[in-house]
Amino acid sequence: MINSFSIRNLQFEDIPIITNWAKIEGFAPGVGDVLIYRNTDQQGIWTACLEGKPIGCIAGVKYNPNYGFIGLFIVLEQYRGNGFGIQLWKHAINYLKDVPLIGLEAAPNRINDYKKWGFEICSTTTRWQCECIDELVGPNLYTDYELEGFVIQQANDLPSSGVQIYDASRETTPRPHFLSDWLDRKEGSVSVLLDKNHICHGFGRIRPCLLKAGKGWRIGPLLADTPPLAEMLLRRLISSHSGTILIDTPGLNPYSKYLLESLGFSEVSRTFRMYKGIHPPVSNNQVYGLACLELG
């Protein structure tokens, strides 16, 4: 059995298969997400095969020469315990061997495994869920004065440069190629928060996702200068979207828990952001929602 095991670059026809695996695992993949991962680094996402049949996958994407991220690590349950997962893992690690900083999201039961490879916990990531019917219930948490002078526009009506600049100063590393593809997808919508001078003060995306049972919506990324502006964006993104809404917040944002709990969200799970290498001192105070857990 071991002799017929192979690892190859992700092929286009693998995408629906892997998306379905992610759905079954409870990752709640966004529609079109895996294609974006492939476009970000076509050499950095792989499929494991046994006798030519896909049985697993992993992403080890290079954003640039200085930063990579590992995710989408799946081996089908019936094939676990045969060493296929460790071979996939080593394949990704070898691809990223010259990258000085590598990130990943770890389930609680995998933390010690990753520590053996030099990864250390940086923060806790929380997944929040809310059931909505076209809008968030309850009054605004903040006064109109705190929102005065700001407007929200759809991203397709604006040049992307302002959003790229805003994002680059708030993330671990600039990610222009990934972000451009992420925001330009036809699935879902992107809202941008502007002042009267058309300066960007936040943005967010909502997209359809696949739940274990049915469909829902995922918000991410969600970035804003202040909690009142984050709430303003959240309300706009959720408007006209009914059903289960998910958002993943970084533990290094001290405001997100109060904001989401006050708006009716409940915590459903936690993972742990881990890094191998020196993590730059970037504040997450203005990051209320991560784009995805698979690529950070």
Protein backbone atom coordinates (compact mmCIF):
# COMPACT_ATOMS: atom_id res chain seq x y z
CA MET A 1 0.00 0.00 0.00
CA ILE A 2 2.78 2.43 0.96
CA ASN A 3 4.54 1.93 -2.37
CA SER A 4 1.52 3.21 -4.29
CA PHE A 5 1.35 6.45 -2.28
CA SER A 6 2.24 9.69 -4.09
CA ILE A 7 1.98 13.45 -3.63
CA ARG A 8 1.30 15.75 -6.58
CA ASN A 9 0.39 19.37 -7.13
CA LEU A 10 -3.30 20.14 -6.83
CA GLN A 11 -5.15 19.74 -10.11
CA PHE A 12 -8.23 21.69 -11.05
CA GLU A 13 -10.42 18.60 -10.87
CA ASP A 14 -9.29 18.06 -7.25
CA ILE A 15 -10.88 21.31 -6.09
CA PRO A 16 -14.49 20.10 -5.64
CA ILE A 17 -13.23 16.91 -3.97
CA ILE A 18 -11.10 18.79 -1.44
CA THR A 19 -13.83 21.37 -0.86
CA ASN A 20 -16.18 18.54 0.06
CA TRP A 21 -13.58 17.04 2.43
CA ALA A 22 -13.25 20.41 4.15
CA LYS A 23 -17.03 20.57 4.49
CA ILE A 24 -17.16 17.10 6.07
CA GLU A 25 -14.35 18.03 8.49
CA GLY A 26 -16.37 21.04 9.66
CA PHE A 27 -14.03 23.66 8.21
CA ALA A 28 -17.04 25.46 6.64
CA PRO A 29 -15.12 26.25 3.43
CA GLY A 30 -16.20 29.30 1.51
CA VAL A 31 -17.43 28.73 -2.01
CA GLY A 32 -14.43 29.25 -4.29
CA ASP A 33 -11.87 29.36 -1.47
CA VAL A 34 -9.70 26.44 -2.60
CA LEU A 35 -9.31 27.95 -6.07
CA ILE A 36 -7.99 31.13 -4.45
CA TYR A 37 -5.49 29.11 -2.40
CA ARG A 38 -4.26 27.53 -5.63
CA ASN A 39 -4.01 30.88 -7.39
CA THR A 40 -2.02 32.36 -4.49
CA ASP A 41 0.76 29.78 -4.90
CA GLN A 42 0.18 27.12 -7.54
CA GLN A 43 3.22 25.18 -6.34
CA GLY A 44 2.13 25.30 -2.69
CA ILE A 45 -0.93 23.07 -2.50
CA TRP A 46 -0.83 19.31 -2.95
CA THR A 47 -3.01 16.24 -3.21
CA ALA A 48 -2.00 12.89 -1.70
CA CYS A 49 -3.00 9.86 -3.76
CA LEU A 50 -3.12 6.14 -3.13
CA GLU A 51 -3.13 4.07 -6.32
CA GLY A 52 -4.03 7.31 -8.12
CA LYS A 53 -7.03 8.05 -5.89
CA PRO A 54 -7.00 11.30 -3.84
CA ILE A 55 -6.95 10.56 -0.10
CA GLY A 56 -5.52 13.75 1.42
CA CYS A 57 -4.27 17.28 0.88
CA ILE A 58 -2.21 20.08 2.39
CA ALA A 59 -1.39 23.70 1.56
CA GLY A 60 2.01 25.27 2.26
CA VAL A 61 1.59 28.62 0.57
CA LYS A 62 4.37 31.19 0.15
CA TYR A 63 2.95 34.69 0.33
CA ASN A 64 6.44 35.98 -0.38
CA PRO A 65 10.04 34.87 0.36
CA ASN A 66 9.61 35.82 4.03
CA TYR A 67 6.24 34.34 5.00
CA GLY A 68 4.35 31.11 4.44
CA PHE A 69 1.28 29.44 5.88
CA ILE A 70 0.28 25.79 6.28
CA GLY A 71 -3.35 24.72 6.24
CA LEU A 72 -6.02 22.60 4.58
CA PHE A 73 -4.30 19.55 6.10
CA ILE A 74 -6.63 16.58 5.62
CA VAL A 75 -6.23 12.82 5.37
CA LEU A 76 -9.42 10.83 4.88
CA GLU A 77 -10.33 9.05 8.10
CA GLN A 78 -10.11 5.52 6.69
CA TYR A 79 -6.49 6.13 5.61
CA ARG A 80 -5.19 7.63 8.86
CA GLY A 81 -2.60 5.84 10.92
CA ASN A 82 -0.55 4.71 7.91
CA GLY A 83 1.99 7.54 7.83
CA PHE A 84 0.38 9.39 4.93
CA GLY A 85 -0.23 12.52 7.01
CA ILE A 86 3.39 12.84 8.12
CA GLN A 87 4.54 12.47 4.51
CA LEU A 88 2.20 15.29 3.46
CA TRP A 89 3.42 17.40 6.38
CA LYS A 90 7.09 16.87 5.53
CA HIS A 91 6.37 17.74 1.90
CA ALA A 92 4.92 21.12 2.92
CA ILE A 93 7.67 21.81 5.46
CA ASN A 94 10.35 21.02 2.89
CA TYR A 95 8.74 23.39 0.38
CA LEU A 96 8.82 26.18 3.00
CA LYS A 97 12.28 25.33 4.39
CA ASP A 98 13.85 28.63 3.28
CA VAL A 99 10.96 30.79 4.52
CA PRO A 100 11.92 32.45 7.84
CA LEU A 101 8.35 32.70 9.22
CA ILE A 102 5.64 30.04 8.87
CA GLY A 103 2.17 30.22 10.42
CA LEU A 104 -0.66 27.75 10.94
CA GLU A 105 -3.89 27.26 12.88
CA ALA A 106 -3.79 24.30 15.27
CA ALA A 107 -6.64 22.31 16.75
CA PRO A 108 -6.13 21.88 20.53
CA ASN A 109 -5.18 18.21 20.16
CA ARG A 110 -2.45 18.98 17.62
CA ILE A 111 -0.52 21.65 19.53
CA ASN A 112 2.12 19.31 20.94
CA ASP A 113 2.67 17.74 17.50
CA TYR A 114 3.46 21.11 15.96
CA LYS A 115 5.65 22.15 18.88
CA LYS A 116 7.94 19.23 18.01
CA TRP A 117 8.55 20.96 14.67
CA GLY A 118 9.45 24.29 16.24
CA PHE A 119 6.04 26.01 16.21
CA GLU A 120 4.97 28.08 19.21
CA ILE A 121 1.55 29.40 20.22
CA CYS A 122 1.00 33.08 19.51
CA SER A 123 -2.72 33.54 20.23
CA THR A 124 -6.15 31.93 20.36
CA THR A 125 -8.49 32.17 17.37
CA THR A 126 -12.22 32.02 18.14
CA ARG A 127 -14.98 31.03 15.74
CA TRP A 128 -18.26 32.83 16.38
CA GLN A 129 -21.71 31.98 15.03
CA CYS A 130 -24.99 33.85 14.78
CA GLU A 131 -28.35 32.97 13.28
CA CYS A 132 -29.68 35.96 11.37
CA ILE A 133 -32.70 36.89 9.30
CA ASP A 134 -31.49 39.65 6.97
CA GLU A 135 -29.98 41.73 9.78
CA LEU A 136 -28.50 41.73 13.28
CA VAL A 137 -31.08 42.05 16.01
CA GLY A 138 -30.95 44.75 18.64
CA PRO A 139 -30.03 48.44 18.63
CA ASN A 140 -26.67 49.87 17.64
CA LEU A 141 -24.05 49.57 20.37
CA TYR A 142 -22.53 52.94 19.56
CA THR A 143 -23.85 56.44 18.98
CA ASP A 144 -24.41 58.05 15.60
CA TYR A 145 -21.76 60.60 16.60
CA GLU A 146 -19.10 57.87 16.54
CA LEU A 147 -20.12 56.97 12.97
CA GLU A 148 -20.54 60.50 11.66
CA GLY A 149 -18.66 61.29 8.45
CA PHE A 150 -18.29 57.68 7.30
CA VAL A 151 -19.99 55.91 4.42
CA ILE A 152 -19.91 52.33 3.15
CA GLN A 153 -19.53 51.52 -0.53
CA GLN A 154 -19.24 48.30 -2.48
CA ALA A 155 -15.65 47.45 -3.40
CA ASN A 156 -16.43 47.00 -7.11
CA ASP A 157 -17.20 50.74 -7.27
CA LEU A 158 -13.74 51.68 -5.96
CA PRO A 159 -10.07 51.29 -6.87
CA SER A 160 -8.45 48.49 -4.84
CA SER A 161 -5.28 50.41 -3.96
CA GLY A 162 -6.76 52.01 -0.83
CA VAL A 163 -7.91 48.64 0.52
CA GLN A 164 -4.52 47.06 -0.26
CA ILE A 165 -2.67 49.80 1.64
CA TYR A 166 -5.04 49.52 4.59
CA ASP A 167 -4.66 45.73 4.78
CA ALA A 168 -0.87 45.70 4.34
CA SER A 169 -0.23 47.69 7.52
CA ARG A 170 -2.45 45.43 9.65
CA GLU A 171 -1.42 41.95 8.57
CA THR A 172 1.69 39.85 9.23
CA THR A 173 2.85 40.54 5.67
CA PRO A 174 1.49 42.36 2.62
CA ARG A 175 -0.59 39.95 0.52
CA PRO A 176 -1.58 41.87 -2.61
CA HIS A 177 -2.07 38.88 -4.95
CA PHE A 178 -4.13 36.88 -2.46
CA LEU A 179 -6.19 39.87 -1.36
CA SER A 180 -6.93 41.00 -4.92
CA ASP A 181 -8.20 37.54 -5.84
CA TRP A 182 -10.06 37.22 -2.53
CA LEU A 183 -11.93 40.51 -2.93
CA ASP A 184 -12.65 40.16 -6.63
CA ARG A 185 -14.49 36.83 -6.38
CA LYS A 186 -18.07 36.87 -7.64
CA GLU A 187 -19.21 34.84 -4.63
CA GLY A 188 -20.41 37.14 -1.87
CA SER A 189 -19.77 40.87 -1.55
CA VAL A 190 -17.17 43.30 -0.23
CA SER A 191 -17.92 46.54 1.62
CA VAL A 192 -15.42 49.36 2.18
CA LEU A 193 -15.68 52.07 4.85
CA LEU A 194 -14.65 55.54 3.68
CA ASP A 195 -14.44 59.02 5.12
CA LYS A 196 -15.42 62.18 3.23
CA ASN A 197 -11.97 62.27 1.62
CA HIS A 198 -12.43 58.69 0.33
CA ILE A 199 -9.75 57.36 2.68
CA CYS A 200 -10.27 53.73 3.68
CA HIS A 201 -10.99 53.08 7.39
CA GLY A 202 -12.03 49.46 7.11
CA PHE A 203 -13.40 46.75 4.85
CA GLY A 204 -14.98 43.32 4.97
CA ARG A 205 -16.19 40.45 2.84
CA ILE A 206 -19.09 38.04 3.27
CA ARG A 207 -19.26 34.88 1.17
CA PRO A 208 -21.36 31.72 1.03
CA CYS A 209 -19.89 28.71 2.82
CA LEU A 210 -20.60 24.99 3.07
CA LEU A 211 -21.62 23.69 6.48
CA LYS A 212 -21.80 20.04 7.48
CA ALA A 213 -25.56 20.34 7.11
CA GLY A 214 -26.52 22.92 4.50
CA LYS A 215 -25.11 26.31 3.65
CA GLY A 216 -24.24 29.44 5.55
CA TRP A 217 -22.15 32.61 5.34
CA ARG A 218 -18.62 33.46 6.42
CA ILE A 219 -17.35 36.95 7.11
CA GLY A 220 -13.66 37.58 6.57
CA PRO A 221 -11.57 39.52 6.43
CA LEU A 222 -13.11 42.22 8.61
CA LEU A 223 -10.84 45.15 9.45
CA ALA A 224 -11.81 48.52 10.93
CA ASP A 225 -10.22 51.41 12.82
CA THR A 226 -12.53 51.17 15.85
CA PRO A 227 -15.24 48.91 17.34
CA PRO A 228 -18.04 51.31 16.24
CA LEU A 229 -16.79 51.16 12.64
CA ALA A 230 -16.45 47.37 12.86
CA GLU A 231 -20.08 47.17 13.96
CA MET A 232 -21.12 49.45 11.11
CA LEU A 233 -19.42 47.16 8.61
CA LEU A 234 -20.80 44.00 10.22
CA ARG A 235 -24.35 45.28 10.00
CA ARG A 236 -23.93 46.19 6.34
CA LEU A 237 -22.34 42.85 5.44
CA ILE A 238 -25.04 40.83 7.16
CA SER A 239 -27.95 42.87 5.77
CA SER A 240 -29.98 40.76 3.32
CA HIS A 241 -28.12 37.58 4.35
CA SER A 242 -30.21 35.08 6.28
CA GLY A 243 -29.03 31.92 8.00
CA THR A 244 -25.90 30.88 9.86
CA ILE A 245 -23.16 33.54 9.94
CA LEU A 246 -19.59 32.59 10.94
CA ILE A 247 -16.60 34.80 11.71
CA ASP A 248 -13.11 33.91 13.03
CA THR A 249 -11.49 36.49 15.30
CA PRO A 250 -7.83 36.73 16.33
CA GLY A 251 -7.16 36.53 20.06
CA LEU A 252 -4.89 39.56 19.90
CA ASN A 253 -7.88 41.86 19.26
CA PRO A 254 -9.13 42.86 22.73
CA TYR A 255 -12.39 44.34 21.44
CA SER A 256 -13.85 41.57 19.27
CA LYS A 257 -15.28 39.40 22.08
CA TYR A 258 -17.40 42.20 23.56
CA LEU A 259 -18.53 43.37 20.14
CA LEU A 260 -19.62 39.97 18.85
CA GLU A 261 -21.25 38.80 22.08
CA SER A 262 -23.19 42.07 22.28
CA LEU A 263 -24.43 41.58 18.71
CA GLY A 264 -25.74 38.08 19.42
CA PHE A 265 -22.83 35.87 18.32
CA SER A 266 -21.85 32.78 20.32
CA GLU A 267 -18.47 31.07 20.51
CA VAL A 268 -18.50 27.66 18.78
CA SER A 269 -14.82 26.61 18.66
CA ARG A 270 -11.22 27.65 19.21
CA THR A 271 -7.98 27.03 17.40
CA PHE A 272 -4.49 28.33 18.13
CA ARG A 273 -2.36 30.47 15.87
CA MET A 274 1.18 29.13 15.92
CA TYR A 275 4.36 30.38 14.27
CA LYS A 276 7.78 29.01 13.52
CA GLY A 277 10.19 31.92 13.35
CA ILE A 278 10.08 35.45 14.68
CA HIS A 279 6.64 36.98 14.35
CA PRO A 280 6.74 40.72 13.54
CA PRO A 281 5.13 43.04 16.12
CA VAL A 282 1.95 43.77 14.15
CA SER A 283 -1.10 44.86 16.16
CA ASN A 284 -4.36 42.97 15.63
CA ASN A 285 -6.47 45.62 17.37
CA GLN A 286 -8.12 46.51 14.08
CA VAL A 287 -8.54 42.94 12.77
CA TYR A 288 -12.01 41.68 13.74
CA GLY A 289 -12.25 38.81 11.29
CA LEU A 290 -9.64 36.63 9.56
CA ALA A 291 -9.98 35.94 5.85
CA CYS A 292 -9.72 32.19 6.43
CA LEU A 293 -8.03 29.74 8.79
CA GLU A 294 -6.47 27.72 5.99
CA LEU A 295 -4.21 30.57 4.77
CA GLY A 296 -4.32 32.87 7.80
